[in-house]
N, C-alpha and C. Protein backbone atom coordinates (compact mmCIF):
# COMPACT_ATOMS: atom_id res chain seq x y z
N UNK A 1 22.07 25.64 8.35
CA UNK A 1 22.66 24.41 7.84
C UNK A 1 22.48 23.30 8.88
N UNK A 2 22.20 22.13 8.39
CA UNK A 2 21.97 20.97 9.23
C UNK A 2 23.02 19.91 8.93
N UNK A 3 23.48 19.25 9.96
CA UNK A 3 24.46 18.17 9.80
C UNK A 3 23.72 16.84 9.81
N UNK A 4 23.94 16.02 8.79
CA UNK A 4 23.29 14.71 8.72
C UNK A 4 24.36 13.62 8.65
N UNK A 5 23.97 12.42 9.03
CA UNK A 5 24.83 11.25 8.89
C UNK A 5 24.40 10.51 7.64
N UNK A 6 25.32 10.34 6.73
CA UNK A 6 24.99 9.68 5.46
C UNK A 6 24.68 8.20 5.64
N UNK A 7 25.09 7.60 6.73
CA UNK A 7 24.81 6.18 6.96
C UNK A 7 23.31 5.92 7.06
N UNK A 8 22.56 6.91 7.50
CA UNK A 8 21.11 6.73 7.59
C UNK A 8 20.47 6.72 6.21
N UNK A 9 21.00 7.52 5.30
CA UNK A 9 20.45 7.60 3.95
C UNK A 9 20.99 6.50 3.05
N UNK A 10 22.23 6.12 3.27
CA UNK A 10 22.91 5.12 2.44
C UNK A 10 23.47 4.03 3.34
N UNK A 11 22.68 3.01 3.66
CA UNK A 11 23.14 1.99 4.62
C UNK A 11 24.31 1.16 4.14
N UNK A 12 24.62 1.19 2.86
CA UNK A 12 25.73 0.40 2.34
C UNK A 12 27.08 1.04 2.62
N UNK A 13 27.11 2.26 3.14
CA UNK A 13 28.39 2.89 3.49
C UNK A 13 28.96 2.21 4.73
N UNK A 14 30.25 1.96 4.71
CA UNK A 14 30.87 1.26 5.82
C UNK A 14 31.50 2.21 6.83
N UNK A 15 31.78 3.43 6.44
CA UNK A 15 32.40 4.38 7.36
C UNK A 15 31.39 5.46 7.75
N UNK A 16 31.61 6.06 8.89
CA UNK A 16 30.72 7.13 9.36
C UNK A 16 31.07 8.43 8.65
N UNK A 17 30.11 8.96 7.91
CA UNK A 17 30.31 10.19 7.15
C UNK A 17 29.23 11.17 7.56
N UNK A 18 29.63 12.35 7.97
CA UNK A 18 28.68 13.41 8.27
C UNK A 18 28.84 14.50 7.23
N UNK A 19 27.73 15.14 6.90
CA UNK A 19 27.72 16.13 5.84
C UNK A 19 26.83 17.28 6.26
N UNK A 20 27.24 18.47 5.96
CA UNK A 20 26.44 19.64 6.27
C UNK A 20 25.64 20.03 5.03
N UNK A 21 24.31 20.03 5.18
CA UNK A 21 23.42 20.33 4.06
C UNK A 21 22.47 21.46 4.46
N UNK A 22 21.80 22.03 3.47
CA UNK A 22 20.84 23.08 3.76
C UNK A 22 19.61 22.48 4.44
N UNK A 23 18.83 23.32 5.07
CA UNK A 23 17.64 22.86 5.80
C UNK A 23 16.62 22.21 4.86
N UNK A 24 16.49 22.73 3.64
CA UNK A 24 15.53 22.17 2.69
C UNK A 24 15.88 20.74 2.32
N UNK A 25 17.15 20.48 2.11
CA UNK A 25 17.58 19.13 1.76
C UNK A 25 17.39 18.19 2.94
N UNK A 26 17.63 18.65 4.14
CA UNK A 26 17.42 17.82 5.33
C UNK A 26 15.96 17.44 5.47
N UNK A 27 15.06 18.36 5.18
CA UNK A 27 13.62 18.07 5.26
C UNK A 27 13.23 17.03 4.22
N UNK A 28 13.74 17.16 3.00
CA UNK A 28 13.42 16.20 1.94
C UNK A 28 13.94 14.81 2.29
N UNK A 29 15.15 14.72 2.82
CA UNK A 29 15.71 13.42 3.20
C UNK A 29 14.91 12.77 4.32
N UNK A 30 14.49 13.54 5.30
CA UNK A 30 13.73 12.95 6.41
C UNK A 30 12.34 12.53 5.95
N UNK A 31 11.73 13.31 5.05
CA UNK A 31 10.41 12.95 4.52
C UNK A 31 10.50 11.68 3.70
N UNK A 32 11.51 11.58 2.86
CA UNK A 32 11.69 10.36 2.06
C UNK A 32 11.94 9.14 2.91
N UNK A 33 12.69 9.29 3.98
CA UNK A 33 12.93 8.17 4.88
C UNK A 33 11.67 7.70 5.57
N UNK A 34 10.83 8.65 5.98
CA UNK A 34 9.56 8.28 6.62
C UNK A 34 8.63 7.60 5.63
N UNK A 35 8.59 8.05 4.38
CA UNK A 35 7.75 7.41 3.38
C UNK A 35 8.22 6.00 3.08
N UNK A 36 9.51 5.80 3.04
CA UNK A 36 10.06 4.46 2.80
C UNK A 36 9.71 3.53 3.97
N UNK A 37 9.85 4.01 5.19
CA UNK A 37 9.49 3.20 6.36
C UNK A 37 8.01 2.87 6.35
N UNK A 38 7.18 3.83 5.98
CA UNK A 38 5.73 3.61 5.92
C UNK A 38 5.39 2.56 4.87
N UNK A 39 6.03 2.64 3.70
CA UNK A 39 5.79 1.65 2.65
C UNK A 39 6.19 0.25 3.11
N UNK A 40 7.34 0.12 3.74
CA UNK A 40 7.79 -1.19 4.22
C UNK A 40 6.83 -1.74 5.28
N UNK A 41 6.34 -0.88 6.16
CA UNK A 41 5.41 -1.31 7.20
C UNK A 41 4.10 -1.79 6.57
N UNK A 42 3.55 -1.03 5.60
CA UNK A 42 2.31 -1.44 4.94
C UNK A 42 2.50 -2.74 4.18
N UNK A 43 3.64 -2.90 3.53
CA UNK A 43 3.93 -4.12 2.78
C UNK A 43 3.96 -5.32 3.72
N UNK A 44 4.55 -5.14 4.88
CA UNK A 44 4.66 -6.23 5.86
C UNK A 44 3.29 -6.55 6.46
N UNK A 45 2.48 -5.53 6.75
CA UNK A 45 1.18 -5.75 7.39
C UNK A 45 0.16 -6.38 6.44
N UNK A 46 0.10 -5.90 5.21
CA UNK A 46 -0.93 -6.34 4.27
C UNK A 46 -0.49 -7.52 3.43
N UNK A 47 0.78 -7.75 3.38
CA UNK A 47 1.30 -8.81 2.52
C UNK A 47 1.34 -8.32 1.09
N UNK A 48 2.19 -8.91 0.34
CA UNK A 48 2.33 -8.51 -1.05
C UNK A 48 2.58 -9.75 -1.86
N UNK A 49 1.83 -9.91 -2.95
CA UNK A 49 2.04 -11.07 -3.79
C UNK A 49 2.23 -10.60 -5.23
N UNK A 50 2.90 -11.40 -5.98
CA UNK A 50 3.18 -11.08 -7.36
C UNK A 50 2.01 -11.53 -8.23
N UNK A 51 1.81 -10.84 -9.34
CA UNK A 51 0.76 -11.25 -10.27
C UNK A 51 1.23 -12.40 -11.17
N UNK A 52 2.47 -12.81 -11.01
CA UNK A 52 3.03 -13.89 -11.82
C UNK A 52 2.83 -15.26 -11.20
N UNK A 53 2.22 -15.34 -10.01
CA UNK A 53 2.06 -16.64 -9.36
C UNK A 53 0.92 -17.42 -10.01
N UNK A 54 0.87 -18.71 -9.72
CA UNK A 54 -0.16 -19.57 -10.28
C UNK A 54 -1.53 -19.23 -9.72
N UNK A 55 -2.61 -19.44 -10.48
CA UNK A 55 -3.95 -19.21 -9.95
C UNK A 55 -4.22 -20.12 -8.75
N UNK A 56 -5.01 -19.66 -7.85
CA UNK A 56 -5.34 -20.44 -6.67
C UNK A 56 -4.43 -20.14 -5.50
N UNK A 57 -3.62 -19.12 -5.63
CA UNK A 57 -2.73 -18.74 -4.56
C UNK A 57 -3.58 -18.26 -3.42
C-alpha cells in the first residue's frame, strides 16, 4: 500500500488529505500526472490556436 497526498491530484482541495491506496492505483495516478504535465509543456512550447479564429491569423 502506498500513501498519497490528494492535494497533488486535486489542487482545488484546501486541506491536506493523505490516503492509502494500492500500488496499482498509485502507478496510474503518477502516470496520469506525468501525461498531463507533458501535454501542458507541449501546448506551451508549440502554441495552440483555435480553428474558430479569423483567417490570416
